[in-house]
């Protein structure tokens, strides 16, 4: 007898041998036991999950010479012929090549004839969704009221393409993707029977690559058996199959978490040289970071969300403690977007390199809980907990990693320039382009009036002298108003826009009068604007308290004389663009002037 491939040699012959479809096999066995055999069945699911195999087993169970039974004998002539695909009363039709109305008409003509030697005449139509609309319409009447000896079994991977009139006449069974763990167990049995010794990592990579399809896994296993005569390591074997090995994916994830740019580039170069599909590699890297993110939740370590071998789970646990859930979520989002870029890019290698570089240089993130815990520790003055100390140490290591290699010499405290925002309002800080901005100091005390330890009483309460804040004068604000406005624009864009082109004067009664543009007249009258302004003033002027009254008024735009306004025939667009309120609105909103509408008609209607 000629050689049989594994997919045919290991095809299940009974319902009990079907892997991963207990909901289908149990229902069909019960239907056979009770005699509730439908006249039409529809098997749907992904490729290689057992649709045609179950159809053949059902045909053998109904046409077995030893009688209808949920367990066919597989020894009589009918069972052997059905297994070999040459039974007279079981016709397997390929819907892709027999999709026309003429083929269905021939089928209708043969339906009325009784089976030659079996109880049922069974038609198995594979890929039934490929039939034309006319062919489906011609089959409707026969499918609705077939002869008692006829049974239809349809198999398809795309049930949404089948008309509803056909679906309503069939019993539908949805086949599931086979779990990776069950595919791995079956491949191990095949390897043992074939006398081949493969490592668990290789078989698991094959099972994962099959993506729930047993036939795909058996086809890859067929290639593995062809390579078993050569002495090849696991990576070389998987390269011959075109499968991305898990060790390479783990190496890429480790390089990203270690922020090793050189290793990331070297990894992409090796993948390109090995001929690995870079898009498939990116998909596997997405799955790896998904496993890391699931494992980062303590409840998931004992759950079934991670279908992984023990060794691989230990490797994930070693990496998950080196990052946080926030960082893993950011990595995953960037990987999903990067996979689409690689798929559409004409330069997939460059796209993958840039993706790994972005991941490796992503600033470290901290959760809001850890930041709040840090602030509470600093405010209470208590000793930091072990978790807080670990986070402080991680932050210190991050600063050392992100610091430039040739750091400048430290400046003595006596000659250190002032870094208060009031002193730096007129100039920009000089930061090298290649060096990321420094992280905020960890051990410094918060800004504002400082309190020495001696100022605390026995009960830890602050003394009244230390708790009093220095008052801010109106004249100091008026003198440095332009610098204050520039500083606010860099911190608070909304408040900076309101204070743009404004003026501040001191009234005789000691009131700070602020003249803003007419466009902001309504927005500055609420209490939120004044409260926010007082906070900015206190921060800018070294913690001094702005206790004086503040009054907002409208700054009228200067009306130019006709001699200064330019030619009389100036366009309305030019006049509108020269208006300070329009200029401010365009600058703040980032828009453009589209249309000018006169308001005379609206005023007349209101009048």
Protein backbone atom coordinates (compact mmCIF):
# COMPACT_ATOMS: atom_id res chain seq x y z
CA UNK A 1 0.00 0.00 0.00
CA UNK A 2 1.22 3.50 -0.83
CA UNK A 3 2.38 5.88 1.91
CA UNK A 4 -0.35 7.78 3.75
CA UNK A 5 0.27 11.24 5.14
CA UNK A 6 -0.37 11.80 8.81
CA UNK A 7 -3.58 13.75 8.21
CA UNK A 8 -5.12 10.66 6.54
CA UNK A 9 -3.38 8.03 8.65
CA UNK A 10 -4.52 9.62 11.92
CA UNK A 11 -8.02 10.61 10.77
CA UNK A 12 -10.52 9.69 13.53
CA UNK A 13 -12.69 6.66 12.76
CA UNK A 14 -15.16 6.89 15.64
CA UNK A 15 -16.81 9.69 17.58
CA UNK A 16 -14.63 8.97 20.60
CA UNK A 17 -11.47 9.63 18.57
CA UNK A 18 -12.57 13.12 17.54
CA UNK A 19 -10.48 15.71 19.41
CA UNK A 20 -11.82 18.99 20.72
CA UNK A 21 -15.49 18.66 19.62
CA UNK A 22 -17.33 16.93 22.49
CA UNK A 23 -20.45 19.10 22.08
CA UNK A 24 -20.91 17.84 18.52
CA UNK A 25 -20.04 14.18 18.97
CA UNK A 26 -22.17 13.77 22.10
CA UNK A 27 -25.22 15.33 20.41
CA UNK A 28 -24.90 13.16 17.31
CA UNK A 29 -24.45 10.00 19.37
CA UNK A 30 -27.58 10.75 21.38
CA UNK A 31 -29.52 11.48 18.18
CA UNK A 32 -28.48 8.08 16.76
CA UNK A 33 -29.44 6.28 19.97
CA UNK A 34 -32.91 7.86 20.08
CA UNK A 35 -33.52 7.64 16.35
CA UNK A 36 -33.86 11.43 15.90
CA UNK A 37 -31.93 11.64 12.66
CA UNK A 38 -32.44 14.92 10.79
CA UNK A 39 -32.60 15.03 7.01
CA UNK A 40 -29.94 17.81 6.71
CA UNK A 41 -26.95 18.82 8.82
CA UNK A 42 -24.66 21.84 8.51
CA UNK A 43 -21.15 21.61 9.96
CA UNK A 44 -19.35 24.96 10.27
CA UNK A 45 -15.95 25.90 11.64
CA UNK A 46 -12.35 26.67 10.76
CA UNK A 47 -10.29 24.46 8.52
CA UNK A 48 -8.89 21.22 9.88
CA UNK A 49 -11.13 20.90 12.95
CA UNK A 50 -12.93 17.68 11.93
CA UNK A 51 -16.01 18.63 9.89
CA UNK A 52 -15.52 16.11 7.07
CA UNK A 53 -14.25 13.44 9.47
CA UNK A 54 -17.38 13.72 11.63
CA UNK A 55 -19.54 13.59 8.48
CA UNK A 56 -17.89 10.31 7.47
CA UNK A 57 -18.23 8.86 10.97
CA UNK A 58 -21.94 9.79 10.95
CA UNK A 59 -22.34 8.10 7.56
CA UNK A 60 -20.64 4.93 8.87
CA UNK A 61 -22.78 4.93 12.02
CA UNK A 62 -25.97 5.07 9.91
CA UNK A 63 -24.94 2.64 7.14
CA UNK A 64 -22.99 0.07 9.17
CA UNK A 65 -23.92 -3.49 8.14
CA UNK A 66 -24.15 -4.47 11.81
CA UNK A 67 -26.93 -1.98 12.32
CA UNK A 68 -27.28 1.69 13.11
CA UNK A 69 -25.12 2.40 16.15
CA UNK A 70 -23.22 5.37 17.66
CA UNK A 71 -20.04 3.26 17.38
CA UNK A 72 -19.44 1.93 13.82
CA UNK A 73 -17.60 -1.36 13.52
CA UNK A 74 -15.08 -0.11 10.89
CA UNK A 75 -14.80 -3.74 9.70
CA UNK A 76 -17.76 -4.28 7.38
CA UNK A 77 -17.60 -3.40 3.70
CA UNK A 78 -19.72 -0.29 4.09
CA UNK A 79 -17.50 1.16 6.85
CA UNK A 80 -14.30 0.39 4.92
CA UNK A 81 -15.64 1.90 1.70
CA UNK A 82 -16.76 5.06 3.46
CA UNK A 83 -13.36 5.39 5.17
CA UNK A 84 -11.63 5.02 1.80
CA UNK A 85 -14.02 7.46 0.11
CA UNK A 86 -15.38 5.07 -2.57
CA UNK A 87 -18.76 4.08 -1.11
CA UNK A 88 -21.59 3.83 -3.61
CA UNK A 89 -24.26 5.21 -1.31
CA UNK A 90 -22.14 7.99 0.26
CA UNK A 91 -21.34 10.69 -2.29
CA UNK A 92 -18.77 13.37 -1.39
CA UNK A 93 -19.22 16.44 -3.61
CA UNK A 94 -16.84 19.39 -3.79
CA UNK A 95 -18.97 22.51 -3.75
CA UNK A 96 -16.20 24.62 -5.28
CA UNK A 97 -16.01 22.60 -8.50
CA UNK A 98 -19.69 21.58 -8.69
CA UNK A 99 -21.26 24.91 -7.92
CA UNK A 100 -23.57 25.46 -10.89
CA UNK A 101 -27.27 24.85 -11.27
CA UNK A 102 -26.66 21.97 -13.70
CA UNK A 103 -24.81 19.98 -11.02
CA UNK A 104 -27.68 20.50 -8.58
CA UNK A 105 -30.19 19.39 -11.22
CA UNK A 106 -28.26 16.16 -11.71
CA UNK A 107 -28.24 15.68 -7.94
CA UNK A 108 -32.04 16.13 -7.81
CA UNK A 109 -32.46 13.49 -10.48
CA UNK A 110 -30.43 10.91 -8.52
CA UNK A 111 -32.07 11.62 -5.17
CA UNK A 112 -35.24 9.70 -5.96
CA UNK A 113 -33.36 6.42 -6.53
CA UNK A 114 -32.98 4.23 -3.46
CA UNK A 115 -29.51 3.32 -2.10
CA UNK A 116 -27.81 0.26 -3.54
CA UNK A 117 -27.02 -1.68 -0.34
CA UNK A 118 -27.27 0.73 2.60
CA UNK A 119 -30.14 2.12 4.67
CA UNK A 120 -29.35 5.73 3.72
CA UNK A 121 -28.13 7.55 0.66
CA UNK A 122 -25.92 10.32 2.06
CA UNK A 123 -24.68 13.41 0.20
CA UNK A 124 -21.68 15.19 1.79
CA UNK A 125 -21.18 18.58 0.12
CA UNK A 126 -17.94 20.23 1.22
CA UNK A 127 -17.45 24.01 0.92
CA UNK A 128 -21.16 24.38 0.28
CA UNK A 129 -20.94 28.18 0.47
CA UNK A 130 -19.33 28.14 -3.00
CA UNK A 131 -22.63 27.18 -4.68
CA UNK A 132 -24.28 29.87 -6.75
CA UNK A 133 -27.53 31.53 -5.78
CA UNK A 134 -29.35 29.69 -8.55
CA UNK A 135 -27.96 26.36 -7.33
CA UNK A 136 -29.15 27.07 -3.79
CA UNK A 137 -32.61 27.98 -5.09
CA UNK A 138 -32.78 24.76 -7.10
CA UNK A 139 -31.90 22.78 -3.97
CA UNK A 140 -34.54 24.35 -1.71
CA UNK A 141 -37.48 22.05 -2.45
CA UNK A 142 -35.42 18.87 -2.32
CA UNK A 143 -33.78 19.97 0.91
CA UNK A 144 -37.10 20.80 2.54
CA UNK A 145 -38.86 17.51 1.71
CA UNK A 146 -36.27 14.89 0.72
CA UNK A 147 -37.08 11.16 0.42
CA UNK A 148 -36.88 9.17 3.64
CA UNK A 149 -33.69 7.40 2.54
CA UNK A 150 -31.73 10.63 1.74
CA UNK A 151 -29.50 12.57 4.13
CA UNK A 152 -27.62 15.79 3.37
CA UNK A 153 -24.48 16.84 5.27
CA UNK A 154 -23.07 20.27 4.40
CA UNK A 155 -19.64 21.48 5.52
CA UNK A 156 -18.40 25.05 5.24
CA UNK A 157 -15.90 27.50 6.72
CA UNK A 158 -18.03 30.55 5.86
CA UNK A 159 -21.63 30.00 6.96
CA UNK A 160 -22.49 33.68 6.53
CA UNK A 161 -22.41 33.18 2.75
CA UNK A 162 -25.16 30.58 2.84
CA UNK A 163 -28.71 31.90 2.25
CA UNK A 164 -31.02 31.96 5.22
CA UNK A 165 -33.50 29.72 3.43
CA UNK A 166 -30.87 26.96 3.42
CA UNK A 167 -29.80 27.56 7.03
CA UNK A 168 -33.37 27.28 8.27
CA UNK A 169 -33.70 23.80 6.75
CA UNK A 170 -30.58 22.35 8.44
CA UNK A 171 -29.41 21.42 11.92
CA UNK A 172 -26.32 23.55 12.45
CA UNK A 173 -23.27 22.43 14.45
CA UNK A 174 -20.44 24.90 15.03
CA UNK A 175 -17.05 23.25 15.37
CA UNK A 176 -14.61 24.99 17.72
CA UNK A 177 -10.91 25.59 17.30
CA UNK A 178 -8.99 22.81 19.01
CA UNK A 179 -7.12 24.00 22.13
CA UNK A 180 -3.35 24.16 21.83
CA UNK A 181 -2.89 21.81 24.78
CA UNK A 182 -4.98 19.07 23.10
CA UNK A 183 -3.10 19.48 19.81
CA UNK A 184 0.19 19.19 21.71
CA UNK A 185 -0.94 15.98 23.41
CA UNK A 186 -2.01 14.46 20.08
CA UNK A 187 1.29 15.42 18.42
CA UNK A 188 3.16 13.78 21.28
CA UNK A 189 1.23 10.54 20.68
CA UNK A 190 1.99 10.71 16.96
CA UNK A 191 5.70 11.28 17.63
CA UNK A 192 5.77 8.32 20.02
CA UNK A 193 4.01 6.05 17.52
CA UNK A 194 6.29 7.14 14.67
CA UNK A 195 9.41 6.65 16.78
CA UNK A 196 10.51 10.28 16.62
CA UNK A 197 11.83 12.18 19.60
CA UNK A 198 11.09 15.91 19.54
CA UNK A 199 11.39 18.34 22.40
CA UNK A 200 8.28 19.78 24.00
CA UNK A 201 9.23 23.30 22.87
CA UNK A 202 9.28 22.23 19.21
CA UNK A 203 5.95 20.42 19.44
CA UNK A 204 4.41 23.32 21.32
CA UNK A 205 5.62 25.76 18.64
CA UNK A 206 4.01 23.55 15.98
CA UNK A 207 0.75 23.34 17.95
CA UNK A 208 0.69 27.09 18.41
CA UNK A 209 1.40 27.69 14.73
CA UNK A 210 -1.53 25.45 13.77
CA UNK A 211 -3.90 27.99 15.39
CA UNK A 212 -6.52 25.43 16.40
CA UNK A 213 -6.33 23.33 13.21
CA UNK A 214 -5.36 19.69 13.72
CA UNK A 215 -4.75 19.16 10.01
CA UNK A 216 -2.28 22.07 9.88
CA UNK A 217 -0.48 20.67 12.92
CA UNK A 218 -0.25 17.23 11.32
CA UNK A 219 1.10 18.72 8.08
CA UNK A 220 3.85 20.52 10.01
CA UNK A 221 4.51 17.31 11.93
CA UNK A 222 4.97 15.56 8.59
CA UNK A 223 7.83 17.92 7.80
CA UNK A 224 9.35 17.37 11.24
CA UNK A 225 9.43 13.62 10.60
CA UNK A 226 11.25 14.28 7.34
CA UNK A 227 13.93 16.25 9.22
CA UNK A 228 14.43 13.76 12.03
CA UNK A 229 17.32 12.03 10.24
CA UNK A 230 19.45 15.17 10.47
CA UNK A 231 21.09 16.46 13.63
CA UNK A 232 19.48 19.88 13.94
CA UNK A 233 18.72 21.92 17.03
CA UNK A 234 15.24 23.21 17.81
CA UNK A 235 15.75 26.63 16.26
CA UNK A 236 17.06 25.21 12.98
CA UNK A 237 14.16 22.77 12.78
CA UNK A 238 11.62 25.54 13.27
CA UNK A 239 13.43 27.73 10.74
CA UNK A 240 13.03 24.96 8.17
CA UNK A 241 9.31 24.94 8.92
CA UNK A 242 9.05 28.74 8.78
CA UNK A 243 7.77 28.81 12.37
CA UNK A 244 8.76 31.59 14.76
CA UNK A 245 10.42 29.93 17.74
CA UNK A 246 9.44 31.08 21.21
CA UNK A 247 13.02 31.69 22.33
CA UNK A 248 13.51 34.40 19.70
CA UNK A 249 10.29 36.08 20.80
CA UNK A 250 11.41 35.92 24.43
CA UNK A 251 14.78 37.40 23.45
CA UNK A 252 13.05 40.33 21.73
CA UNK A 253 10.83 40.98 24.76
CA UNK A 254 13.85 40.87 27.06
CA UNK A 255 15.72 43.35 24.85
CA UNK A 256 12.77 45.75 24.94
CA UNK A 257 12.44 45.55 28.72
CA UNK A 258 16.22 45.97 29.12
CA UNK A 259 16.15 48.97 26.73
CA UNK A 260 18.93 47.35 24.73
CA UNK A 261 18.77 49.15 21.38
CA UNK A 262 21.79 47.33 19.93
CA UNK A 263 20.26 43.94 20.69
CA UNK A 264 16.96 44.94 19.08
CA UNK A 265 18.66 45.89 15.83
CA UNK A 266 20.80 42.74 15.86
CA UNK A 267 17.67 40.63 16.42
CA UNK A 268 15.87 42.12 13.41
CA UNK A 269 18.96 41.54 11.29
CA UNK A 270 19.05 37.85 12.28
CA UNK A 271 15.33 37.43 11.63
CA UNK A 272 15.69 38.95 8.20
CA UNK A 273 18.65 36.66 7.43
CA UNK A 274 16.75 33.58 8.55
CA UNK A 275 13.85 34.41 6.24
CA UNK A 276 11.29 34.71 9.04
CA UNK A 277 8.05 36.47 8.18
CA UNK A 278 8.43 39.74 10.10
CA UNK A 279 4.71 40.30 10.33
CA UNK A 280 4.23 36.85 11.84
CA UNK A 281 7.05 37.59 14.28
CA UNK A 282 5.33 40.82 15.33
CA UNK A 283 2.11 38.88 15.92
CA UNK A 284 3.94 36.41 18.13
CA UNK A 285 5.52 39.31 20.04
CA UNK A 286 2.03 40.75 20.59
CA UNK A 287 0.91 37.41 22.01
CA UNK A 288 3.96 37.29 24.28
CA UNK A 289 3.28 40.73 25.75
CA UNK A 290 -0.38 39.74 26.13
CA UNK A 291 0.74 36.76 28.20
CA UNK A 292 2.97 39.06 30.28
CA UNK A 293 0.10 41.45 30.90
CA UNK A 294 -2.27 38.63 31.90
CA UNK A 295 0.39 37.18 34.20
CA UNK A 296 0.96 40.59 35.82
CA UNK A 297 -2.43 40.16 37.52
CA UNK A 298 -1.95 37.87 40.49
CA UNK A 299 -5.31 36.16 40.04
CA UNK A 300 -4.36 34.94 36.55
CA UNK A 301 -1.37 32.82 37.59
CA UNK A 302 -3.53 29.87 38.48
CA UNK A 303 -6.15 30.43 35.80
CA UNK A 304 -6.64 28.93 32.36
CA UNK A 305 -5.93 32.11 30.40
CA UNK A 306 -2.33 31.01 29.85
CA UNK A 307 -2.09 27.70 27.99
CA UNK A 308 1.70 27.43 28.26
CA UNK A 309 4.29 24.81 29.21
CA UNK A 310 5.81 25.00 32.66
CA UNK A 311 9.21 26.19 31.46
CA UNK A 312 7.74 29.01 29.41
CA UNK A 313 5.52 30.11 32.29
CA UNK A 314 8.58 30.37 34.52
CA UNK A 315 10.30 32.52 31.91
CA UNK A 316 7.29 34.85 31.82
CA UNK A 317 7.23 35.12 35.60
CA UNK A 318 10.89 36.14 35.57
CA UNK A 319 10.16 39.02 33.19
CA UNK A 320 6.87 40.25 34.60
CA UNK A 321 8.48 41.53 37.81
CA UNK A 322 10.77 43.82 35.80
CA UNK A 323 7.95 46.03 34.54
CA UNK A 324 4.48 47.28 35.45
CA UNK A 325 1.00 46.79 34.09
CA UNK A 326 0.92 50.35 32.72
CA UNK A 327 4.09 49.79 30.71
CA UNK A 328 2.88 46.43 29.40
CA UNK A 329 -0.37 48.00 28.24
CA UNK A 330 1.56 50.74 26.41
CA UNK A 331 3.84 48.14 24.81
CA UNK A 332 0.84 46.10 23.68
CA UNK A 333 -0.91 49.09 22.12
CA UNK A 334 2.22 50.07 20.22
CA UNK A 335 2.73 46.49 19.02
CA UNK A 336 -0.82 46.22 17.69
CA UNK A 337 -0.43 49.49 15.79
CA UNK A 338 3.05 48.45 14.61
CA UNK A 339 1.79 45.13 13.25
CA UNK A 340 -0.58 46.99 10.96
CA UNK A 341 2.24 49.29 9.83
CA UNK A 342 4.45 46.29 9.03
CA UNK A 343 1.64 44.63 7.09
CA UNK A 344 1.12 47.71 4.91
CA UNK A 345 4.74 48.79 4.63
CA UNK A 346 6.89 48.12 1.57
CA UNK A 347 9.90 48.00 3.93
CA UNK A 348 8.83 45.59 6.69
CA UNK A 349 12.35 45.27 8.08
CA UNK A 350 12.71 49.01 8.62
CA UNK A 351 9.20 49.20 10.10
CA UNK A 352 10.01 46.44 12.60
CA UNK A 353 13.30 48.10 13.53
CA UNK A 354 11.60 51.41 14.20
CA UNK A 355 8.90 49.67 16.23
CA UNK A 356 11.42 47.91 18.48
CA UNK A 357 13.41 51.13 18.88
CA UNK A 358 10.28 53.00 19.98
CA UNK A 359 9.50 50.26 22.47
CA UNK A 360 13.05 50.16 23.83
CA UNK A 361 13.21 53.93 24.33
CA UNK A 362 9.73 54.34 25.82
CA UNK A 363 10.02 56.22 29.15
CA UNK A 364 9.19 54.16 32.20
CA UNK A 365 5.71 54.68 33.60
CA UNK A 366 4.46 54.45 37.15
CA UNK A 367 0.96 53.73 38.31
CA UNK A 368 -1.09 56.46 39.94
CA UNK A 369 -1.30 54.38 43.13
CA UNK A 370 2.48 54.35 43.50
CA UNK A 371 2.68 58.11 42.93
CA UNK A 372 -0.02 58.75 45.54
CA UNK A 373 1.70 56.44 47.98
CA UNK A 374 4.93 58.34 47.44
CA UNK A 375 3.23 61.67 48.07
CA UNK A 376 1.53 60.38 51.19
CA UNK A 377 4.87 59.13 52.48
CA UNK A 378 6.51 62.52 51.92
CA UNK A 379 3.64 64.45 53.50
CA UNK A 380 3.34 62.24 56.56
CA UNK A 381 7.09 62.14 57.10
CA UNK A 382 6.91 58.43 57.94
CA UNK A 383 9.49 55.92 56.85
CA UNK A 384 8.73 54.55 53.39
CA UNK A 385 7.46 51.02 53.12
CA UNK A 386 9.38 48.25 51.43
CA UNK A 387 7.30 48.70 48.27
CA UNK A 388 7.92 52.44 48.26
CA UNK A 389 11.66 51.92 48.77
CA UNK A 390 11.73 49.50 45.83
CA UNK A 391 9.90 52.00 43.62
CA UNK A 392 12.26 54.79 44.70
CA UNK A 393 15.21 52.58 43.83
CA UNK A 394 13.70 51.78 40.41
CA UNK A 395 13.19 55.47 39.73
CA UNK A 396 16.81 56.17 40.67
CA UNK A 397 17.98 53.43 38.32
CA UNK A 398 15.83 54.87 35.55
CA UNK A 399 17.42 58.27 36.00
CA UNK A 400 20.89 56.74 35.81
CA UNK A 401 19.94 54.85 32.64
CA UNK A 402 18.52 57.95 30.96
CA UNK A 403 21.36 60.29 32.06
CA UNK A 404 23.93 61.37 29.44
CA UNK A 405 27.21 59.45 29.39
CA UNK A 406 29.32 62.62 29.76
CA UNK A 407 27.52 64.41 32.55
CA UNK A 408 28.61 67.97 33.39
CA UNK A 409 30.59 68.66 36.53
CA UNK A 410 28.41 69.39 39.56
CA UNK A 411 27.99 73.02 40.52
CA UNK A 412 28.57 74.04 44.09
CA UNK A 413 25.51 75.22 45.98
CA UNK A 414 26.93 78.71 46.46
CA UNK A 415 27.31 79.26 42.71
CA UNK A 416 24.25 77.31 41.59
CA UNK A 417 21.97 79.56 39.53
CA UNK A 418 18.41 80.10 40.68
CA UNK A 419 15.96 77.67 39.11
CA UNK A 420 12.74 79.31 40.32
CA UNK A 421 10.18 80.04 37.60
CA UNK A 422 10.24 83.74 38.50
CA UNK A 423 13.92 83.89 37.60
CA UNK A 424 13.58 81.83 34.40
CA UNK A 425 10.52 83.57 32.95
CA UNK A 426 12.47 85.45 30.35
CA UNK A 427 14.58 82.66 28.94
CA UNK A 428 14.21 79.03 27.88
CA UNK A 429 16.09 76.26 29.65
CA UNK A 430 18.81 74.69 27.55
CA UNK A 431 18.25 70.94 27.26
CA UNK A 432 20.33 68.80 24.86
CA UNK A 433 18.22 67.31 22.11
CA UNK A 434 19.63 63.80 22.55
CA UNK A 435 19.06 63.72 26.31
CA UNK A 436 15.51 63.19 27.60
CA UNK A 437 14.22 65.69 30.15
CA UNK A 438 15.23 64.79 33.70
CA UNK A 439 12.73 63.19 36.01
CA UNK A 440 11.38 65.27 38.92
CA UNK A 441 13.49 65.03 42.08
CA UNK A 442 12.50 62.20 44.37
CA UNK A 443 14.01 63.24 47.68
CA UNK A 444 13.44 67.00 47.52
CA UNK A 445 10.81 68.60 49.67
CA UNK A 446 7.75 70.08 47.90
CA UNK A 447 7.83 73.71 46.85
CA UNK A 448 6.47 76.38 49.14
CA UNK A 449 7.52 77.68 52.53
CA UNK A 450 9.95 75.20 54.16
CA UNK A 451 9.45 74.05 57.75
CA UNK A 452 12.38 72.91 59.85
CA UNK A 453 12.08 69.96 62.20
CA UNK A 454 12.65 72.27 65.18
CA UNK A 455 9.46 74.14 64.33
CA UNK A 456 7.38 71.09 65.21
CA UNK A 457 5.91 70.68 68.64
CA UNK A 458 5.87 67.52 70.68
CA UNK A 459 2.69 66.38 68.97
CA UNK A 460 4.09 67.03 65.48
CA UNK A 461 1.94 70.13 64.86
CA UNK A 462 3.46 73.05 63.01
CA UNK A 463 4.10 76.22 64.91
CA UNK A 464 2.03 79.25 64.05
CA UNK A 465 5.09 81.23 62.96
CA UNK A 466 6.12 78.62 60.42
CA UNK A 467 2.56 78.15 59.11
CA UNK A 468 2.10 81.85 58.21
CA UNK A 469 2.71 82.66 54.53
CA UNK A 470 4.15 85.96 53.28
CA UNK A 471 1.65 88.23 51.53
CA UNK A 472 2.13 89.25 47.91
CA UNK A 473 1.88 92.89 46.95
CA UNK A 474 -0.09 94.20 43.97
CA UNK A 475 2.80 96.36 42.79
CA UNK A 476 5.08 93.32 42.49
CA UNK A 477 2.53 91.60 40.27
CA UNK A 478 2.08 94.66 38.04
CA UNK A 479 5.85 95.15 37.63
CA UNK A 480 6.42 91.52 36.52
CA UNK A 481 3.10 90.96 34.72
CA UNK A 482 4.61 90.20 31.29
CA UNK A 483 7.00 87.62 32.71
CA UNK A 484 4.18 86.04 34.70
CA UNK A 485 1.99 85.79 31.57
CA UNK A 486 4.78 84.08 29.63
CA UNK A 487 5.30 81.60 32.49
CA UNK A 488 1.57 80.82 32.72
CA UNK A 489 1.37 80.23 28.95
CA UNK A 490 3.94 77.46 29.31
CA UNK A 491 2.05 75.73 32.13
CA UNK A 492 -1.64 76.37 31.52
CA UNK A 493 -2.63 76.98 27.90
CA UNK A 494 -6.20 78.00 28.74
CA UNK A 495 -5.18 80.55 31.33
CA UNK A 496 -2.31 81.69 29.10
CA UNK A 497 -4.77 82.37 26.29
CA UNK A 498 -7.03 84.42 28.57
CA UNK A 499 -4.10 86.50 29.80
CA UNK A 500 -2.62 86.95 26.32
CA UNK A 501 -2.47 90.64 25.27
CA UNK A 502 -3.82 91.59 28.71
CA UNK A 503 -2.72 94.44 30.97
CA UNK A 504 -2.57 94.73 34.76
CA UNK A 505 -2.79 97.95 36.78
CA UNK A 506 -3.12 98.74 40.46
CA UNK A 507 -6.16 100.72 41.57
CA UNK A 508 -5.84 103.28 44.36
CA UNK A 509 -7.86 100.94 46.59
CA UNK A 510 -5.21 98.19 46.27
CA UNK A 511 -7.18 96.14 43.72
CA UNK A 512 -5.43 94.26 40.90
CA UNK A 513 -7.34 95.32 37.76
CA UNK A 514 -6.76 93.00 34.81
CA UNK A 515 -7.90 94.11 31.34
CA UNK A 516 -8.51 91.14 29.01
CA UNK A 517 -9.73 90.92 25.43
CA UNK A 518 -13.44 91.20 24.79
CA UNK A 519 -13.63 87.59 23.56
CA UNK A 520 -12.82 86.34 27.09
CA UNK A 521 -15.23 88.67 28.92
CA UNK A 522 -17.70 85.93 29.85
CA UNK A 523 -15.17 83.21 30.68
CA UNK A 524 -13.17 85.24 33.22
CA UNK A 525 -16.14 86.31 35.29
CA UNK A 526 -16.57 82.94 37.00
CA UNK A 527 -14.83 82.11 40.24
CA UNK A 528 -12.73 79.31 38.74
CA UNK A 529 -10.60 81.71 36.70
CA UNK A 530 -9.84 83.90 39.72
CA UNK A 531 -9.04 80.90 41.92
CA UNK A 532 -6.71 79.41 39.30
CA UNK A 533 -5.03 82.78 38.82
CA UNK A 534 -4.34 83.07 42.55
CA UNK A 535 -2.75 79.61 42.57
CA UNK A 536 -0.47 80.53 39.67
CA UNK A 537 0.50 83.81 41.36
CA UNK A 538 1.39 82.00 44.58
CA UNK A 539 3.47 79.45 42.69
CA UNK A 540 5.25 82.02 40.55
CA UNK A 541 6.12 84.42 43.38
CA UNK A 542 7.82 81.84 45.64
CA UNK A 543 4.77 80.76 47.64
CA UNK A 544 3.56 84.23 48.59
CA UNK A 545 -0.16 84.48 49.17
CA UNK A 546 -2.19 86.67 46.79
CA UNK A 547 -4.73 88.06 49.28
CA UNK A 548 -5.61 91.24 47.39
CA UNK A 549 -8.89 91.66 45.44
CA UNK A 550 -8.87 90.94 41.68
CA UNK A 551 -11.17 92.61 39.18
CA UNK A 552 -11.47 91.69 35.48
CA UNK A 553 -12.48 94.19 32.84
CA UNK A 554 -12.65 94.29 29.05
CA UNK A 555 -9.73 95.67 27.09
CA UNK A 556 -11.24 97.55 24.16
CA UNK A 557 -9.45 97.09 20.87
CA UNK A 558 -7.77 100.22 19.63
CA UNK A 559 -9.74 101.87 16.84
CA UNK A 560 -7.44 103.21 14.19
CA UNK A 561 -8.09 106.42 12.38
CA UNK A 562 -9.15 106.27 8.76
CA UNK A 563 -5.72 107.51 7.72
CA UNK A 564 -4.12 104.56 9.57
CA UNK A 565 -6.61 101.94 8.54
CA UNK A 566 -5.22 101.57 5.02
CA UNK A 567 -7.15 101.95 1.82
CA UNK A 568 -10.91 102.44 2.04
CA UNK A 569 -11.54 99.47 -0.17
CA UNK A 570 -9.86 97.01 2.27
CA UNK A 571 -11.62 93.65 2.18
CA UNK A 572 -13.72 92.49 5.16
CA UNK A 573 -11.46 89.43 5.43
CA UNK A 574 -8.38 91.59 5.96
CA UNK A 575 -10.18 93.78 8.48
CA UNK A 576 -11.36 90.70 10.39
CA UNK A 577 -7.90 89.16 10.40
CA UNK A 578 -6.44 92.39 11.82
CA UNK A 579 -8.89 92.35 14.75
CA UNK A 580 -7.07 91.31 17.95
CA UNK A 581 -9.92 89.07 19.15
CA UNK A 582 -9.92 87.15 15.87
CA UNK A 583 -6.14 86.80 15.96
CA UNK A 584 -6.26 85.47 19.50
CA UNK A 585 -9.03 82.98 18.66
CA UNK A 586 -7.10 81.67 15.64
CA UNK A 587 -3.94 81.34 17.69
CA UNK A 588 -5.61 79.51 20.59
CA UNK A 589 -7.90 77.23 18.58
CA UNK A 590 -5.49 76.63 15.72
CA UNK A 591 -8.15 77.35 13.13
CA UNK A 592 -8.56 79.54 10.10
CA UNK A 593 -11.01 82.17 8.92
CA UNK A 594 -13.55 80.52 6.62
CA UNK A 595 -16.53 82.85 6.30
CA UNK A 596 -17.67 86.27 7.52
CA UNK A 597 -21.39 86.68 8.23
CA UNK A 598 -22.97 90.08 8.94
CA UNK A 599 -25.08 90.41 12.08
CA UNK A 600 -27.42 93.20 10.85
CA UNK A 601 -30.23 90.83 9.90
CA UNK A 602 -30.08 89.08 13.28
CA UNK A 603 -30.24 92.41 15.11
CA UNK A 604 -33.29 93.45 13.08
CA UNK A 605 -35.07 90.21 13.95
CA UNK A 606 -34.30 90.64 17.63
CA UNK A 607 -35.55 94.21 17.46
